[in-house]
């Protein structure tokens, strides 16, 4: 049984993203989930002029499918992302994300997604942040 319960993707994107950022969230408003047990993610495109929703996904609870199946589905969902914001991330999952060049940023409980997106946009306006180079992001 797959861990992905439902997903939607915006088909016509408004502009080109410099990077894609994912957020572990059950409501799409705040970061409030551990990566491994997250039941929801939102993915945004970000560039130096703004940010926009690209995808949202909901996963079954861990007990309803195998942990490996759920991890594989989450990695597939995040495959285009350079950064993941979450509450926490286990070492095995961290290693798999590192292999995919997805930087994990742990944030405080209930950090507002729109505030984090604005911070990313502001960093891109100022030039390429050093941590983005580590993710393989090329600033255009």
C-alpha atoms as a PDB file:
ATOM      1  CA  UNK A   1       0.000   0.000   0.000  1.00  0.00           C
ATOM      2  CA  UNK A   2       1.343   3.414  -0.923  1.00  0.00           C
ATOM      3  CA  UNK A   3       1.629   6.147   1.705  1.00  0.00           C
ATOM      4  CA  UNK A   4       0.452   8.949  -0.588  1.00  0.00           C
ATOM      5  CA  UNK A   5      -3.226   9.592   0.066  1.00  0.00           C
ATOM      6  CA  UNK A   6      -3.921  12.572  -2.207  1.00  0.00           C
ATOM      7  CA  UNK A   7      -1.965  15.230  -4.052  1.00  0.00           C
ATOM      8  CA  UNK A   8      -2.583  18.172  -6.298  1.00  0.00           C
ATOM      9  CA  UNK A   9      -0.131  19.975  -8.534  1.00  0.00           C
ATOM     10  CA  UNK A  10      -0.508  23.393 -10.135  1.00  0.00           C
ATOM     11  CA  UNK A  11      -0.232  22.715 -13.868  1.00  0.00           C
ATOM     12  CA  UNK A  12       0.418  26.215 -15.170  1.00  0.00           C
ATOM     13  CA  UNK A  13       3.099  27.865 -13.063  1.00  0.00           C
ATOM     14  CA  UNK A  14       3.178  31.674 -13.076  1.00  0.00           C
ATOM     15  CA  UNK A  15       6.962  32.104 -13.376  1.00  0.00           C
ATOM     16  CA  UNK A  16      10.288  30.316 -13.220  1.00  0.00           C
ATOM     17  CA  UNK A  17      11.502  29.246  -9.795  1.00  0.00           C
ATOM     18  CA  UNK A  18      15.063  29.610  -8.583  1.00  0.00           C
ATOM     19  CA  UNK A  19      14.299  26.861  -6.079  1.00  0.00           C
ATOM     20  CA  UNK A  20      11.483  24.753  -4.706  1.00  0.00           C
ATOM     21  CA  UNK A  21      10.882  24.663  -0.951  1.00  0.00           C
ATOM     22  CA  UNK A  22       8.832  22.041   0.896  1.00  0.00           C
ATOM     23  CA  UNK A  23       7.162  22.415   4.283  1.00  0.00           C
ATOM     24  CA  UNK A  24       5.996  19.590   6.567  1.00  0.00           C
ATOM     25  CA  UNK A  25       2.569  20.827   7.606  1.00  0.00           C
ATOM     26  CA  UNK A  26      -0.860  19.389   8.316  1.00  0.00           C
ATOM     27  CA  UNK A  27      -2.638  22.672   7.558  1.00  0.00           C
ATOM     28  CA  UNK A  28      -0.475  24.415   4.938  1.00  0.00           C
ATOM     29  CA  UNK A  29      -0.068  27.451   7.182  1.00  0.00           C
ATOM     30  CA  UNK A  30       2.590  26.496   9.739  1.00  0.00           C
ATOM     31  CA  UNK A  31       5.443  23.981   9.958  1.00  0.00           C
ATOM     32  CA  UNK A  32       4.250  21.542  12.598  1.00  0.00           C
ATOM     33  CA  UNK A  33       5.379  18.065  11.604  1.00  0.00           C
ATOM     34  CA  UNK A  34       8.364  15.722  11.880  1.00  0.00           C
ATOM     35  CA  UNK A  35       9.474  14.642   8.393  1.00  0.00           C
ATOM     36  CA  UNK A  36       9.108  10.910   8.997  1.00  0.00           C
ATOM     37  CA  UNK A  37       5.621  11.058  10.453  1.00  0.00           C
ATOM     38  CA  UNK A  38       4.344  14.037   8.448  1.00  0.00           C
ATOM     39  CA  UNK A  39       0.863  13.618   7.041  1.00  0.00           C
ATOM     40  CA  UNK A  40       1.083  16.697   4.836  1.00  0.00           C
ATOM     41  CA  UNK A  41       3.465  18.758   2.733  1.00  0.00           C
ATOM     42  CA  UNK A  42       3.177  21.920   0.682  1.00  0.00           C
ATOM     43  CA  UNK A  43       5.731  22.796  -1.989  1.00  0.00           C
ATOM     44  CA  UNK A  44       6.335  26.348  -3.191  1.00  0.00           C
ATOM     45  CA  UNK A  45       8.335  27.788  -6.053  1.00  0.00           C
ATOM     46  CA  UNK A  46      10.521  30.694  -4.946  1.00  0.00           C
ATOM     47  CA  UNK A  47      12.530  33.328  -6.776  1.00  0.00           C
ATOM     48  CA  UNK A  48      13.720  36.852  -5.985  1.00  0.00           C
ATOM     49  CA  UNK A  49      10.351  38.359  -6.895  1.00  0.00           C
ATOM     50  CA  UNK A  50       8.086  36.116  -4.842  1.00  0.00           C
ATOM     51  CA  UNK A  51       6.712  32.652  -4.149  1.00  0.00           C
ATOM     52  CA  UNK A  52       3.747  30.546  -5.286  1.00  0.00           C
ATOM     53  CA  UNK A  53       2.131  27.247  -4.419  1.00  0.00           C
ATOM     54  CA  UNK A  54       3.208  24.380  -6.671  1.00  0.00           C
ATOM     55  CA  UNK A  55       1.963  21.243  -4.936  1.00  0.00           C
ATOM     56  CA  UNK A  56       0.209  19.952  -1.834  1.00  0.00           C
ATOM     57  CA  UNK A  57       0.097  16.341  -0.683  1.00  0.00           C
ATOM     58  CA  UNK A  58      -1.477  14.356   2.103  1.00  0.00           C
ATOM     59  CA  UNK A  59      -0.131  11.032   3.385  1.00  0.00           C
ATOM     60  CA  UNK A  60      -1.664   8.175   5.351  1.00  0.00           C
ATOM     61  CA  UNK A  61      -0.713   7.897   8.985  1.00  0.00           C
ATOM     62  CA  UNK A  62       2.400   5.780   9.582  1.00  0.00           C
ATOM     63  CA  UNK A  63       0.440   2.819  10.987  1.00  0.00           C
ATOM     64  CA  UNK A  64      -1.546   2.526   7.750  1.00  0.00           C
ATOM     65  CA  UNK A  65       1.480   1.751   5.544  1.00  0.00           C
ATOM     66  CA  UNK A  66       5.106   0.730   5.855  1.00  0.00           C
ATOM     67  CA  UNK A  67       7.669   3.327   6.888  1.00  0.00           C
ATOM     68  CA  UNK A  68       9.825   2.491   3.849  1.00  0.00           C
ATOM     69  CA  UNK A  69       6.881   2.930   1.460  1.00  0.00           C
ATOM     70  CA  UNK A  70       6.015   6.263   3.018  1.00  0.00           C
ATOM     71  CA  UNK A  71       9.638   7.457   2.886  1.00  0.00           C
ATOM     72  CA  UNK A  72       9.912   6.513  -0.790  1.00  0.00           C
ATOM     73  CA  UNK A  73       6.695   8.405  -1.589  1.00  0.00           C
ATOM     74  CA  UNK A  74       7.875  11.473   0.331  1.00  0.00           C
ATOM     75  CA  UNK A  75      11.249  11.442  -1.409  1.00  0.00           C
ATOM     76  CA  UNK A  76       9.458  11.254  -4.760  1.00  0.00           C
ATOM     77  CA  UNK A  77       7.250  14.202  -3.818  1.00  0.00           C
ATOM     78  CA  UNK A  78      10.290  16.259  -2.777  1.00  0.00           C
ATOM     79  CA  UNK A  79      12.481  15.276  -5.740  1.00  0.00           C
ATOM     80  CA  UNK A  80      12.476  18.783  -7.252  1.00  0.00           C
ATOM     81  CA  UNK A  81      13.018  20.551  -3.913  1.00  0.00           C
ATOM     82  CA  UNK A  82      16.255  22.143  -2.715  1.00  0.00           C
ATOM     83  CA  UNK A  83      15.107  22.680   0.851  1.00  0.00           C
ATOM     84  CA  UNK A  84      12.713  21.085   3.335  1.00  0.00           C
ATOM     85  CA  UNK A  85      11.432  22.873   6.427  1.00  0.00           C
ATOM     86  CA  UNK A  86      10.265  20.571   9.209  1.00  0.00           C
ATOM     87  CA  UNK A  87      10.155  20.222  12.997  1.00  0.00           C
ATOM     88  CA  UNK A  88      12.624  17.306  13.066  1.00  0.00           C
ATOM     89  CA  UNK A  89      14.110  14.598  10.870  1.00  0.00           C
ATOM     90  CA  UNK A  90      15.546  11.199  11.839  1.00  0.00           C
ATOM     91  CA  UNK A  91      19.086  10.277  10.853  1.00  0.00           C
ATOM     92  CA  UNK A  92      18.107   7.620   8.276  1.00  0.00           C
ATOM     93  CA  UNK A  93      15.691   9.991   6.533  1.00  0.00           C
ATOM     94  CA  UNK A  94      18.270  12.806   6.781  1.00  0.00           C
ATOM     95  CA  UNK A  95      20.801  10.620   4.973  1.00  0.00           C
ATOM     96  CA  UNK A  96      18.327   9.840   2.170  1.00  0.00           C
ATOM     97  CA  UNK A  97      17.480  13.547   1.803  1.00  0.00           C
ATOM     98  CA  UNK A  98      21.203  14.422   1.731  1.00  0.00           C
ATOM     99  CA  UNK A  99      21.673  11.903  -1.090  1.00  0.00           C
ATOM    100  CA  UNK A 100      18.996  13.781  -3.045  1.00  0.00           C
ATOM    101  CA  UNK A 101      20.689  17.158  -2.264  1.00  0.00           C
ATOM    102  CA  UNK A 102      17.688  18.338  -0.252  1.00  0.00           C
ATOM    103  CA  UNK A 103      18.755  20.536   2.639  1.00  0.00           C
ATOM    104  CA  UNK A 104      16.751  19.996   5.833  1.00  0.00           C
ATOM    105  CA  UNK A 105      16.054  23.057   7.950  1.00  0.00           C
ATOM    106  CA  UNK A 106      14.572  22.405  11.354  1.00  0.00           C
ATOM    107  CA  UNK A 107      12.367  25.245  12.567  1.00  0.00           C
ATOM    108  CA  UNK A 108      10.468  26.131  15.725  1.00  0.00           C
ATOM    109  CA  UNK A 109       7.027  24.637  16.278  1.00  0.00           C
ATOM    110  CA  UNK A 110       4.321  26.507  14.346  1.00  0.00           C
ATOM    111  CA  UNK A 111       6.733  28.626  12.285  1.00  0.00           C
ATOM    112  CA  UNK A 112       4.606  30.420   9.701  1.00  0.00           C
ATOM    113  CA  UNK A 113       5.173  29.180   6.173  1.00  0.00           C
ATOM    114  CA  UNK A 114       4.514  32.571   4.581  1.00  0.00           C
ATOM    115  CA  UNK A 115       7.132  34.180   6.860  1.00  0.00           C
ATOM    116  CA  UNK A 116       9.702  31.527   5.922  1.00  0.00           C
ATOM    117  CA  UNK A 117       8.887  32.016   2.231  1.00  0.00           C
ATOM    118  CA  UNK A 118       9.367  35.769   2.580  1.00  0.00           C
ATOM    119  CA  UNK A 119      12.756  35.177   4.219  1.00  0.00           C
ATOM    120  CA  UNK A 120      13.790  32.947   1.298  1.00  0.00           C
ATOM    121  CA  UNK A 121      12.602  35.540  -1.217  1.00  0.00           C
ATOM    122  CA  UNK A 122      14.519  38.282   0.617  1.00  0.00           C
ATOM    123  CA  UNK A 123      17.692  36.149   0.684  1.00  0.00           C
ATOM    124  CA  UNK A 124      17.413  35.606  -3.065  1.00  0.00           C
ATOM    125  CA  UNK A 125      16.959  39.365  -3.637  1.00  0.00           C
ATOM    126  CA  UNK A 126      20.245  39.977  -1.799  1.00  0.00           C
ATOM    127  CA  UNK A 127      22.091  37.417  -3.939  1.00  0.00           C
ATOM    128  CA  UNK A 128      22.719  33.708  -3.685  1.00  0.00           C
ATOM    129  CA  UNK A 129      22.981  32.595  -0.048  1.00  0.00           C
ATOM    130  CA  UNK A 130      25.952  30.288   0.593  1.00  0.00           C
ATOM    131  CA  UNK A 131      23.735  27.481   1.903  1.00  0.00           C
ATOM    132  CA  UNK A 132      21.922  27.342  -1.449  1.00  0.00           C
ATOM    133  CA  UNK A 133      25.211  26.584  -3.210  1.00  0.00           C
ATOM    134  CA  UNK A 134      25.477  23.485  -1.013  1.00  0.00           C
ATOM    135  CA  UNK A 135      22.077  22.398  -2.339  1.00  0.00           C
ATOM    136  CA  UNK A 136      23.220  22.768  -5.948  1.00  0.00           C
ATOM    137  CA  UNK A 137      20.974  25.776  -6.605  1.00  0.00           C
ATOM    138  CA  UNK A 138      22.285  28.130  -9.260  1.00  0.00           C
ATOM    139  CA  UNK A 139      21.020  31.673  -8.839  1.00  0.00           C
ATOM    140  CA  UNK A 140      19.808  33.169 -12.122  1.00  0.00           C
END
